[in-house]
Amino acid sequence: MKTRIYLTLLFLLLIAPAAISSQASAKAAEEPDIFCRLILSTEKTYVGEAFVASLMIYTTHNIDRIDVENGLKHKEFEAMELKINNVQTSYQRVDGKQYLAGVLRRWILTPLKKGKHKIEIDEVKAVVEVPQLVDYGFYSAYKYQAIEVDLRATSVEIQVESLPGKKPSDFSGAVGLFETDLQMSKRTLIVGEEATLTYSISGIGNPGLIAKPTISLPPGITIKDSKHSTDVHLTGKNIVGSYTATYRVVPTKAGRYSVELPEFIYFDPASAKYATIPSRKVDIPVAYGEVFEM
């Protein structure tokens, strides 16, 4: 009986404290299986034809934090970054191996000049949770350790072509598929009462770089001020854009007037041809006194 007690005390004094009080020794963590790629929505485009650039991350580990220094490096492009609130991930196979992939950042790029252009991304810093084998003396177990890794996506190139054929003299620079519209806030205006005239160009493509069209109003209607805005976003895989000009107008004389919606010319990359939306007129009746609309 005493022998058993002595052996137990010897175990507690010599062996157990060493296993309990010592820091758990761990093998060096393996190199994290994680990388980035810059993905373009196309390999070839026209001057003025917008496309999408996405910074993708691929990993087999849990991601704790990701930082991208500055962002995209580019020349000869007009760039607009799209806001990504939450990184949506999905499983993808790369070189026969399955990774958890997600879009870190995304841009809409519109080429300004023909040629083969390089697009680069700044360094990406990621903190990932990597499993490593920890030796506790009497047993070993895997434990996750946060490790910071520096990543750099390989630069990519894109071929930008000039628009073919002879450009029409009134070509505004729009590339895509567009339509135009002209709307008045009221069907009948009253002398001295303010109204709103809205002219818009919308469709598939980026109209942000076009030469802004002008609306000419006849004598008898005065423009107080105007606002111009451009909205470009991604809907599915399509780049959808609009240009809107809003005019605050005040009629100064009664009569029946008309406003001409100007001709609009754009280049359609699908057909590789220029298309024209003909000009048309919108009637604006102006009356004295109060008008009741039915």
C-alpha atoms as a PDB file:
ATOM      1  CA  MET A   1       0.000   0.000   0.000  1.00  0.00           C
ATOM      2  CA  LYS A   2       2.809   2.436   0.926  1.00  0.00           C
ATOM      3  CA  THR A   3       4.627   1.555  -2.287  1.00  0.00           C
ATOM      4  CA  ARG A   4       1.586   2.582  -4.333  1.00  0.00           C
ATOM      5  CA  ILE A   5       1.326   5.875  -2.443  1.00  0.00           C
ATOM      6  CA  TYR A   6       5.024   6.630  -2.982  1.00  0.00           C
ATOM      7  CA  LEU A   7       4.742   5.898  -6.709  1.00  0.00           C
ATOM      8  CA  THR A   8       1.701   8.171  -7.016  1.00  0.00           C
ATOM      9  CA  LEU A   9       3.482  11.022  -5.229  1.00  0.00           C
ATOM     10  CA  LEU A  10       6.576  10.505  -7.379  1.00  0.00           C
ATOM     11  CA  PHE A  11       4.389  10.779 -10.520  1.00  0.00           C
ATOM     12  CA  LEU A  12       2.716  13.986  -9.268  1.00  0.00           C
ATOM     13  CA  LEU A  13       5.991  15.605  -8.202  1.00  0.00           C
ATOM     14  CA  LEU A  14       8.184  14.719 -11.149  1.00  0.00           C
ATOM     15  CA  ILE A  15       6.071  14.028 -14.205  1.00  0.00           C
ATOM     16  CA  ALA A  16       2.660  15.688 -13.967  1.00  0.00           C
ATOM     17  CA  PRO A  17       3.859  19.240 -13.144  1.00  0.00           C
ATOM     18  CA  ALA A  18       6.151  19.189 -16.141  1.00  0.00           C
ATOM     19  CA  ALA A  19       3.238  18.281 -18.408  1.00  0.00           C
ATOM     20  CA  ILE A  20       0.785  20.702 -16.800  1.00  0.00           C
ATOM     21  CA  SER A  21       2.868  23.824 -16.130  1.00  0.00           C
ATOM     22  CA  SER A  22       5.033  23.795 -19.238  1.00  0.00           C
ATOM     23  CA  GLN A  23       3.913  25.706 -22.344  1.00  0.00           C
ATOM     24  CA  ALA A  24       2.495  23.414 -24.985  1.00  0.00           C
ATOM     25  CA  SER A  25       5.179  22.893 -27.597  1.00  0.00           C
ATOM     26  CA  ALA A  26       3.945  23.041 -31.196  1.00  0.00           C
ATOM     27  CA  LYS A  27       5.383  22.128 -34.510  1.00  0.00           C
ATOM     28  CA  ALA A  28       5.882  25.000 -36.927  1.00  0.00           C
ATOM     29  CA  ALA A  29       2.723  25.709 -38.867  1.00  0.00           C
ATOM     30  CA  GLU A  30       2.677  24.567 -42.440  1.00  0.00           C
ATOM     31  CA  GLU A  31       2.707  27.147 -45.243  1.00  0.00           C
ATOM     32  CA  PRO A  32      -0.903  28.384 -45.552  1.00  0.00           C
ATOM     33  CA  ASP A  33      -2.667  27.198 -48.700  1.00  0.00           C
ATOM     34  CA  ILE A  34      -3.989  30.571 -49.864  1.00  0.00           C
ATOM     35  CA  PHE A  35      -3.534  32.751 -52.963  1.00  0.00           C
ATOM     36  CA  CYS A  36      -5.122  35.633 -54.918  1.00  0.00           C
ATOM     37  CA  ARG A  37      -5.938  36.136 -58.580  1.00  0.00           C
ATOM     38  CA  LEU A  38      -7.057  39.158 -60.594  1.00  0.00           C
ATOM     39  CA  ILE A  39      -9.875  38.048 -62.894  1.00  0.00           C
ATOM     40  CA  LEU A  40     -11.136  40.112 -65.865  1.00  0.00           C
ATOM     41  CA  SER A  41     -14.590  39.642 -67.363  1.00  0.00           C
ATOM     42  CA  THR A  42     -13.056  39.713 -70.848  1.00  0.00           C
ATOM     43  CA  GLU A  43      -9.675  39.412 -72.557  1.00  0.00           C
ATOM     44  CA  LYS A  44     -10.465  41.875 -75.348  1.00  0.00           C
ATOM     45  CA  THR A  45     -12.524  45.056 -75.469  1.00  0.00           C
ATOM     46  CA  TYR A  46     -13.036  48.348 -77.325  1.00  0.00           C
ATOM     47  CA  VAL A  47     -12.079  51.856 -76.306  1.00  0.00           C
ATOM     48  CA  GLY A  48     -15.012  53.055 -74.205  1.00  0.00           C
ATOM     49  CA  GLU A  49     -16.411  49.545 -73.590  1.00  0.00           C
ATOM     50  CA  ALA A  50     -16.554  48.886 -69.847  1.00  0.00           C
ATOM     51  CA  PHE A  51     -15.579  45.573 -68.248  1.00  0.00           C
ATOM     52  CA  VAL A  52     -15.195  44.150 -64.740  1.00  0.00           C
ATOM     53  CA  ALA A  53     -11.992  43.383 -62.810  1.00  0.00           C
ATOM     54  CA  SER A  54     -12.354  41.199 -59.688  1.00  0.00           C
ATOM     55  CA  LEU A  55      -9.783  40.412 -56.996  1.00  0.00           C
ATOM     56  CA  MET A  56     -10.448  36.794 -55.995  1.00  0.00           C
ATOM     57  CA  ILE A  57      -9.054  34.955 -52.975  1.00  0.00           C
ATOM     58  CA  TYR A  58      -8.741  31.160 -52.777  1.00  0.00           C
ATOM     59  CA  THR A  59      -8.022  29.330 -49.517  1.00  0.00           C
ATOM     60  CA  THR A  60      -8.461  26.072 -47.634  1.00  0.00           C
ATOM     61  CA  HIS A  61      -8.336  27.838 -44.253  1.00  0.00           C
ATOM     62  CA  ASN A  62     -10.579  30.009 -42.138  1.00  0.00           C
ATOM     63  CA  ILE A  63      -9.950  33.710 -42.779  1.00  0.00           C
ATOM     64  CA  ASP A  64      -9.808  36.038 -39.795  1.00  0.00           C
ATOM     65  CA  ARG A  65      -8.979  39.338 -41.537  1.00  0.00           C
ATOM     66  CA  ILE A  66      -8.002  40.640 -44.985  1.00  0.00           C
ATOM     67  CA  ASP A  67      -6.474  44.012 -45.901  1.00  0.00           C
ATOM     68  CA  VAL A  68      -5.786  45.260 -49.432  1.00  0.00           C
ATOM     69  CA  GLU A  69      -3.242  48.055 -49.682  1.00  0.00           C
ATOM     70  CA  ASN A  70      -4.602  50.936 -51.813  1.00  0.00           C
ATOM     71  CA  GLY A  71      -6.114  48.794 -54.552  1.00  0.00           C
ATOM     72  CA  LEU A  72      -5.840  48.569 -58.311  1.00  0.00           C
ATOM     73  CA  LYS A  73      -2.883  49.889 -60.307  1.00  0.00           C
ATOM     74  CA  HIS A  74      -3.854  50.791 -63.840  1.00  0.00           C
ATOM     75  CA  LYS A  75      -3.169  53.218 -66.660  1.00  0.00           C
ATOM     76  CA  GLU A  76      -5.344  54.291 -69.573  1.00  0.00           C
ATOM     77  CA  PHE A  77      -8.540  53.322 -67.726  1.00  0.00           C
ATOM     78  CA  GLU A  78     -11.353  55.132 -65.992  1.00  0.00           C
ATOM     79  CA  ALA A  79     -11.947  53.098 -62.805  1.00  0.00           C
ATOM     80  CA  MET A  80     -14.884  52.886 -60.416  1.00  0.00           C
ATOM     81  CA  GLU A  81     -14.803  50.518 -57.441  1.00  0.00           C
ATOM     82  CA  LEU A  82     -17.970  48.637 -56.592  1.00  0.00           C
ATOM     83  CA  LYS A  83     -18.903  48.350 -52.933  1.00  0.00           C
ATOM     84  CA  ILE A  84     -18.823  44.847 -51.467  1.00  0.00           C
ATOM     85  CA  ASN A  85     -20.507  44.649 -48.065  1.00  0.00           C
ATOM     86  CA  ASN A  86     -19.980  40.948 -47.409  1.00  0.00           C
ATOM     87  CA  VAL A  87     -17.611  38.572 -49.163  1.00  0.00           C
ATOM     88  CA  GLN A  88     -19.746  35.841 -50.725  1.00  0.00           C
ATOM     89  CA  THR A  89     -17.831  32.560 -50.935  1.00  0.00           C
ATOM     90  CA  SER A  90     -18.304  29.347 -52.878  1.00  0.00           C
ATOM     91  CA  TYR A  91     -16.290  26.207 -53.474  1.00  0.00           C
ATOM     92  CA  GLN A  92     -14.224  26.132 -56.665  1.00  0.00           C
ATOM     93  CA  ARG A  93     -11.700  23.677 -58.041  1.00  0.00           C
ATOM     94  CA  VAL A  94      -8.322  25.068 -59.094  1.00  0.00           C
ATOM     95  CA  ASP A  95      -5.710  22.733 -60.575  1.00  0.00           C
ATOM     96  CA  GLY A  96      -7.685  19.744 -59.304  1.00  0.00           C
ATOM     97  CA  LYS A  97      -7.953  21.009 -55.705  1.00  0.00           C
ATOM     98  CA  GLN A  98     -11.036  22.400 -54.006  1.00  0.00           C
ATOM     99  CA  TYR A  99     -10.827  25.892 -52.491  1.00  0.00           C
ATOM    100  CA  LEU A 100     -13.195  28.280 -50.783  1.00  0.00           C
ATOM    101  CA  ALA A 101     -13.234  31.275 -53.165  1.00  0.00           C
ATOM    102  CA  GLY A 102     -14.635  34.779 -52.802  1.00  0.00           C
ATOM    103  CA  VAL A 103     -14.470  38.257 -54.358  1.00  0.00           C
ATOM    104  CA  LEU A 104     -12.505  40.677 -52.162  1.00  0.00           C
ATOM    105  CA  ARG A 105     -12.818  43.783 -54.341  1.00  0.00           C
ATOM    106  CA  ARG A 106     -14.344  44.606 -57.719  1.00  0.00           C
ATOM    107  CA  TRP A 107     -13.976  47.467 -60.201  1.00  0.00           C
ATOM    108  CA  ILE A 108     -15.650  48.652 -63.401  1.00  0.00           C
ATOM    109  CA  LEU A 109     -12.921  49.728 -65.840  1.00  0.00           C
ATOM    110  CA  THR A 110     -13.481  51.727 -69.018  1.00  0.00           C
ATOM    111  CA  PRO A 111     -10.537  51.871 -71.471  1.00  0.00           C
ATOM    112  CA  LEU A 112      -9.481  55.318 -72.675  1.00  0.00           C
ATOM    113  CA  LYS A 113      -6.822  54.298 -75.193  1.00  0.00           C
ATOM    114  CA  LYS A 114      -6.133  51.397 -77.550  1.00  0.00           C
ATOM    115  CA  GLY A 115      -3.267  48.940 -77.007  1.00  0.00           C
ATOM    116  CA  LYS A 116      -2.287  46.093 -74.676  1.00  0.00           C
ATOM    117  CA  HIS A 117      -2.512  47.382 -71.124  1.00  0.00           C
ATOM    118  CA  LYS A 118      -1.358  45.874 -67.823  1.00  0.00           C
ATOM    119  CA  ILE A 119      -3.506  45.846 -64.695  1.00  0.00           C
ATOM    120  CA  GLU A 120      -1.943  45.140 -61.286  1.00  0.00           C
ATOM    121  CA  ILE A 121      -3.088  44.873 -57.678  1.00  0.00           C
ATOM    122  CA  ASP A 122      -1.316  46.060 -54.546  1.00  0.00           C
ATOM    123  CA  GLU A 123      -0.191  43.633 -51.862  1.00  0.00           C
ATOM    124  CA  VAL A 124      -2.875  41.751 -49.958  1.00  0.00           C
ATOM    125  CA  LYS A 125      -2.362  40.974 -46.263  1.00  0.00           C
ATOM    126  CA  ALA A 126      -4.479  38.191 -44.796  1.00  0.00           C
ATOM    127  CA  VAL A 127      -4.704  36.654 -41.340  1.00  0.00           C
ATOM    128  CA  VAL A 128      -5.719  32.997 -41.607  1.00  0.00           C
ATOM    129  CA  GLU A 129      -6.297  30.288 -39.028  1.00  0.00           C
ATOM    130  CA  VAL A 130      -3.896  27.417 -39.738  1.00  0.00           C
ATOM    131  CA  PRO A 131      -4.096  24.074 -37.854  1.00  0.00           C
ATOM    132  CA  GLN A 132      -0.877  22.898 -36.227  1.00  0.00           C
ATOM    133  CA  LEU A 133      -0.074  19.811 -34.169  1.00  0.00           C
ATOM    134  CA  VAL A 134       0.523  20.640 -30.501  1.00  0.00           C
ATOM    135  CA  ASP A 135       2.388  18.220 -28.208  1.00  0.00           C
ATOM    136  CA  TYR A 136       0.979  18.250 -24.659  1.00  0.00           C
ATOM    137  CA  GLY A 137       3.378  15.577 -23.355  1.00  0.00           C
ATOM    138  CA  PHE A 138       0.966  12.647 -23.003  1.00  0.00           C
ATOM    139  CA  TYR A 139      -1.096  13.423 -26.091  1.00  0.00           C
ATOM    140  CA  SER A 140      -1.082  15.579 -29.211  1.00  0.00           C
ATOM    141  CA  ALA A 141      -3.931  17.590 -30.721  1.00  0.00           C
ATOM    142  CA  TYR A 142      -4.494  20.070 -33.510  1.00  0.00           C
ATOM    143  CA  LYS A 143      -4.955  23.700 -32.560  1.00  0.00           C
ATOM    144  CA  TYR A 144      -5.700  26.691 -34.811  1.00  0.00           C
ATOM    145  CA  GLN A 145      -3.166  29.499 -34.869  1.00  0.00           C
ATOM    146  CA  ALA A 146      -3.665  32.906 -36.535  1.00  0.00           C
ATOM    147  CA  ILE A 147      -0.901  33.596 -39.045  1.00  0.00           C
ATOM    148  CA  GLU A 148      -0.426  36.713 -41.203  1.00  0.00           C
ATOM    149  CA  VAL A 149       0.502  36.064 -44.828  1.00  0.00           C
ATOM    150  CA  ASP A 150       1.439  38.466 -47.628  1.00  0.00           C
ATOM    151  CA  LEU A 151      -0.153  37.759 -50.994  1.00  0.00           C
ATOM    152  CA  ARG A 152       0.331  39.287 -54.419  1.00  0.00           C
ATOM    153  CA  ALA A 153      -1.872  38.586 -57.415  1.00  0.00           C
ATOM    154  CA  THR A 154      -0.140  38.204 -60.772  1.00  0.00           C
ATOM    155  CA  SER A 155      -0.715  41.159 -63.113  1.00  0.00           C
ATOM    156  CA  VAL A 156      -3.027  40.643 -66.078  1.00  0.00           C
ATOM    157  CA  GLU A 157      -3.151  42.189 -69.547  1.00  0.00           C
ATOM    158  CA  ILE A 158      -6.075  43.152 -71.739  1.00  0.00           C
ATOM    159  CA  GLN A 159      -6.160  44.041 -75.429  1.00  0.00           C
ATOM    160  CA  VAL A 160      -8.061  47.249 -76.185  1.00  0.00           C
ATOM    161  CA  GLU A 161      -9.118  47.829 -79.797  1.00  0.00           C
ATOM    162  CA  SER A 162     -10.062  51.066 -81.533  1.00  0.00           C
ATOM    163  CA  LEU A 163     -13.660  51.414 -82.643  1.00  0.00           C
ATOM    164  CA  PRO A 164     -13.853  50.164 -86.245  1.00  0.00           C
ATOM    165  CA  GLY A 165     -14.906  52.197 -89.228  1.00  0.00           C
ATOM    166  CA  LYS A 166     -15.397  55.929 -89.558  1.00  0.00           C
ATOM    167  CA  LYS A 167     -16.913  57.580 -86.521  1.00  0.00           C
ATOM    168  CA  PRO A 168     -20.060  59.633 -87.165  1.00  0.00           C
ATOM    169  CA  SER A 169     -19.539  63.335 -86.606  1.00  0.00           C
ATOM    170  CA  ASP A 170     -22.054  63.424 -83.724  1.00  0.00           C
ATOM    171  CA  PHE A 171     -20.749  60.294 -81.987  1.00  0.00           C
ATOM    172  CA  SER A 172     -20.661  60.963 -78.228  1.00  0.00           C
ATOM    173  CA  GLY A 173     -18.310  58.130 -77.215  1.00  0.00           C
ATOM    174  CA  ALA A 174     -20.971  55.807 -75.754  1.00  0.00           C
ATOM    175  CA  VAL A 175     -20.249  52.088 -76.209  1.00  0.00           C
ATOM    176  CA  GLY A 176     -22.971  49.589 -75.347  1.00  0.00           C
ATOM    177  CA  LEU A 177     -26.703  49.360 -75.978  1.00  0.00           C
ATOM    178  CA  PHE A 178     -28.692  52.464 -74.986  1.00  0.00           C
ATOM    179  CA  GLU A 179     -32.025  54.258 -75.145  1.00  0.00           C
ATOM    180  CA  THR A 180     -33.015  57.886 -74.469  1.00  0.00           C
ATOM    181  CA  ASP A 181     -35.995  59.513 -72.792  1.00  0.00           C
ATOM    182  CA  LEU A 182     -37.377  62.989 -72.087  1.00  0.00           C
ATOM    183  CA  GLN A 183     -39.997  63.603 -69.401  1.00  0.00           C
ATOM    184  CA  MET A 184     -41.805  66.638 -68.010  1.00  0.00           C
ATOM    185  CA  SER A 185     -43.041  66.616 -64.412  1.00  0.00           C
ATOM    186  CA  LYS A 186     -46.416  67.998 -65.588  1.00  0.00           C
ATOM    187  CA  ARG A 187     -48.432  67.537 -68.766  1.00  0.00           C
ATOM    188  CA  THR A 188     -49.485  71.206 -68.816  1.00  0.00           C
ATOM    189  CA  LEU A 189     -47.425  74.066 -67.391  1.00  0.00           C
ATOM    190  CA  ILE A 190     -48.633  77.322 -65.928  1.00  0.00           C
ATOM    191  CA  VAL A 191     -46.893  80.641 -66.491  1.00  0.00           C
ATOM    192  CA  GLY A 192     -44.599  81.378 -63.537  1.00  0.00           C
ATOM    193  CA  GLU A 193     -44.892  77.886 -62.033  1.00  0.00           C
ATOM    194  CA  GLU A 194     -41.740  75.810 -61.727  1.00  0.00           C
ATOM    195  CA  ALA A 195     -41.547  72.363 -63.370  1.00  0.00           C
ATOM    196  CA  THR A 196     -38.902  69.692 -63.953  1.00  0.00           C
ATOM    197  CA  LEU A 197     -37.591  68.483 -67.303  1.00  0.00           C
ATOM    198  CA  THR A 198     -35.589  65.227 -67.172  1.00  0.00           C
ATOM    199  CA  TYR A 199     -33.430  63.885 -69.998  1.00  0.00           C
ATOM    200  CA  SER A 200     -31.862  60.435 -69.620  1.00  0.00           C
ATOM    201  CA  ILE A 201     -29.615  57.961 -71.441  1.00  0.00           C
ATOM    202  CA  SER A 202     -29.693  54.425 -70.063  1.00  0.00           C
ATOM    203  CA  GLY A 203     -28.777  50.894 -71.026  1.00  0.00           C
ATOM    204  CA  ILE A 204     -25.987  48.318 -70.957  1.00  0.00           C
ATOM    205  CA  GLY A 205     -22.604  50.022 -70.790  1.00  0.00           C
ATOM    206  CA  ASN A 206     -20.937  52.978 -69.102  1.00  0.00           C
ATOM    207  CA  PRO A 207     -22.335  56.338 -70.298  1.00  0.00           C
ATOM    208  CA  GLY A 208     -20.219  58.253 -67.804  1.00  0.00           C
ATOM    209  CA  LEU A 209     -17.550  59.299 -70.312  1.00  0.00           C
ATOM    210  CA  ILE A 210     -19.812  60.495 -73.131  1.00  0.00           C
ATOM    211  CA  ALA A 211     -19.950  64.065 -74.329  1.00  0.00           C
ATOM    212  CA  LYS A 212     -22.937  65.433 -72.433  1.00  0.00           C
ATOM    213  CA  PRO A 213     -25.841  66.300 -74.762  1.00  0.00           C
ATOM    214  CA  THR A 214     -27.508  69.691 -74.475  1.00  0.00           C
ATOM    215  CA  ILE A 215     -31.227  70.433 -74.378  1.00  0.00           C
ATOM    216  CA  SER A 216     -32.354  73.644 -76.073  1.00  0.00           C
ATOM    217  CA  LEU A 217     -35.554  75.235 -74.774  1.00  0.00           C
ATOM    218  CA  PRO A 218     -37.605  77.666 -76.859  1.00  0.00           C
ATOM    219  CA  PRO A 219     -38.098  81.333 -75.877  1.00  0.00           C
ATOM    220  CA  GLY A 220     -40.880  81.486 -73.309  1.00  0.00           C
ATOM    221  CA  ILE A 221     -39.385  78.787 -71.041  1.00  0.00           C
ATOM    222  CA  THR A 222     -36.431  79.665 -68.834  1.00  0.00           C
ATOM    223  CA  ILE A 223     -33.952  77.227 -67.262  1.00  0.00           C
ATOM    224  CA  LYS A 224     -33.291  78.124 -63.605  1.00  0.00           C
ATOM    225  CA  ASP A 225     -30.624  75.471 -63.001  1.00  0.00           C
ATOM    226  CA  SER A 226     -29.635  71.940 -63.946  1.00  0.00           C
ATOM    227  CA  LYS A 227     -28.126  68.840 -62.335  1.00  0.00           C
ATOM    228  CA  HIS A 228     -26.238  66.028 -64.040  1.00  0.00           C
ATOM    229  CA  SER A 229     -25.605  62.569 -62.603  1.00  0.00           C
ATOM    230  CA  THR A 230     -24.246  59.210 -63.742  1.00  0.00           C
ATOM    231  CA  ASP A 231     -24.996  55.831 -62.192  1.00  0.00           C
ATOM    232  CA  VAL A 232     -23.082  52.702 -63.187  1.00  0.00           C
ATOM    233  CA  HIS A 233     -23.525  49.365 -61.436  1.00  0.00           C
ATOM    234  CA  LEU A 234     -23.425  45.622 -61.959  1.00  0.00           C
ATOM    235  CA  THR A 235     -26.669  43.704 -62.531  1.00  0.00           C
ATOM    236  CA  GLY A 236     -25.861  40.022 -62.783  1.00  0.00           C
ATOM    237  CA  LYS A 237     -23.009  39.929 -65.306  1.00  0.00           C
ATOM    238  CA  ASN A 238     -24.103  43.114 -67.110  1.00  0.00           C
ATOM    239  CA  ILE A 239     -22.715  46.595 -66.544  1.00  0.00           C
ATOM    240  CA  VAL A 240     -25.793  48.831 -66.464  1.00  0.00           C
ATOM    241  CA  GLY A 241     -25.461  52.599 -66.626  1.00  0.00           C
ATOM    242  CA  SER A 242     -27.467  55.776 -66.907  1.00  0.00           C
ATOM    243  CA  TYR A 243     -26.816  59.469 -67.439  1.00  0.00           C
ATOM    244  CA  THR A 244     -29.503  61.878 -66.225  1.00  0.00           C
ATOM    245  CA  ALA A 245     -29.824  65.629 -66.730  1.00  0.00           C
ATOM    246  CA  THR A 246     -32.510  67.374 -64.657  1.00  0.00           C
ATOM    247  CA  TYR A 247     -33.557  70.934 -65.501  1.00  0.00           C
ATOM    248  CA  ARG A 248     -35.681  73.230 -63.355  1.00  0.00           C
ATOM    249  CA  VAL A 249     -37.723  75.324 -65.760  1.00  0.00           C
ATOM    250  CA  VAL A 250     -40.197  78.183 -65.458  1.00  0.00           C
ATOM    251  CA  PRO A 251     -42.560  79.203 -68.296  1.00  0.00           C
ATOM    252  CA  THR A 252     -42.708  82.971 -68.836  1.00  0.00           C
ATOM    253  CA  LYS A 253     -45.306  83.120 -71.601  1.00  0.00           C
ATOM    254  CA  ALA A 254     -48.365  81.089 -72.536  1.00  0.00           C
ATOM    255  CA  GLY A 255     -48.357  79.077 -75.721  1.00  0.00           C
ATOM    256  CA  ARG A 256     -47.693  75.642 -77.177  1.00  0.00           C
ATOM    257  CA  TYR A 257     -44.013  74.846 -77.200  1.00  0.00           C
ATOM    258  CA  SER A 258     -41.947  71.828 -78.113  1.00  0.00           C
ATOM    259  CA  VAL A 259     -38.596  70.544 -76.875  1.00  0.00           C
ATOM    260  CA  GLU A 260     -36.436  68.480 -79.193  1.00  0.00           C
ATOM    261  CA  LEU A 261     -34.869  65.289 -77.876  1.00  0.00           C
ATOM    262  CA  PRO A 262     -31.458  65.321 -79.583  1.00  0.00           C
ATOM    263  CA  GLU A 263     -30.208  62.536 -81.834  1.00  0.00           C
ATOM    264  CA  PHE A 264     -28.025  60.058 -79.959  1.00  0.00           C
ATOM    265  CA  ILE A 265     -25.355  57.884 -81.591  1.00  0.00           C
ATOM    266  CA  TYR A 266     -23.622  54.978 -79.864  1.00  0.00           C
ATOM    267  CA  PHE A 267     -21.428  52.034 -80.836  1.00  0.00           C
ATOM    268  CA  ASP A 268     -22.905  48.566 -80.347  1.00  0.00           C
ATOM    269  CA  PRO A 269     -20.029  46.095 -79.650  1.00  0.00           C
ATOM    270  CA  ALA A 270     -22.313  43.086 -80.260  1.00  0.00           C
ATOM    271  CA  SER A 271     -22.870  44.071 -83.899  1.00  0.00           C
ATOM    272  CA  ALA A 272     -19.637  46.084 -84.198  1.00  0.00           C
ATOM    273  CA  LYS A 273     -21.683  48.917 -85.756  1.00  0.00           C
ATOM    274  CA  TYR A 274     -22.806  52.421 -84.905  1.00  0.00           C
ATOM    275  CA  ALA A 275     -26.484  52.883 -84.066  1.00  0.00           C
ATOM    276  CA  THR A 276     -28.567  56.048 -84.068  1.00  0.00           C
ATOM    277  CA  ILE A 277     -31.561  56.957 -81.932  1.00  0.00           C
ATOM    278  CA  PRO A 278     -33.380  59.607 -84.001  1.00  0.00           C
ATOM    279  CA  SER A 279     -34.299  62.978 -82.549  1.00  0.00           C
ATOM    280  CA  ARG A 280     -37.916  63.577 -81.598  1.00  0.00           C
ATOM    281  CA  LYS A 281     -40.018  66.392 -80.172  1.00  0.00           C
ATOM    282  CA  VAL A 282     -42.003  66.626 -76.933  1.00  0.00           C
ATOM    283  CA  ASP A 283     -44.895  69.097 -76.785  1.00  0.00           C
ATOM    284  CA  ILE A 284     -45.162  71.435 -73.797  1.00  0.00           C
ATOM    285  CA  PRO A 285     -48.420  73.410 -73.531  1.00  0.00           C
ATOM    286  CA  VAL A 286     -48.217  76.487 -71.277  1.00  0.00           C
ATOM    287  CA  ALA A 287     -51.362  78.215 -69.992  1.00  0.00           C
ATOM    288  CA  TYR A 288     -52.244  81.276 -67.895  1.00  0.00           C
ATOM    289  CA  GLY A 289     -53.950  80.759 -64.534  1.00  0.00           C
ATOM    290  CA  GLU A 290     -54.881  77.500 -62.845  1.00  0.00           C
ATOM    291  CA  VAL A 291     -55.103  74.296 -64.896  1.00  0.00           C
ATOM    292  CA  PHE A 292     -56.887  71.151 -63.742  1.00  0.00           C
ATOM    293  CA  GLU A 293     -55.590  67.914 -65.227  1.00  0.00           C
ATOM    294  CA  MET A 294     -57.973  65.006 -65.697  1.00  0.00           C
END
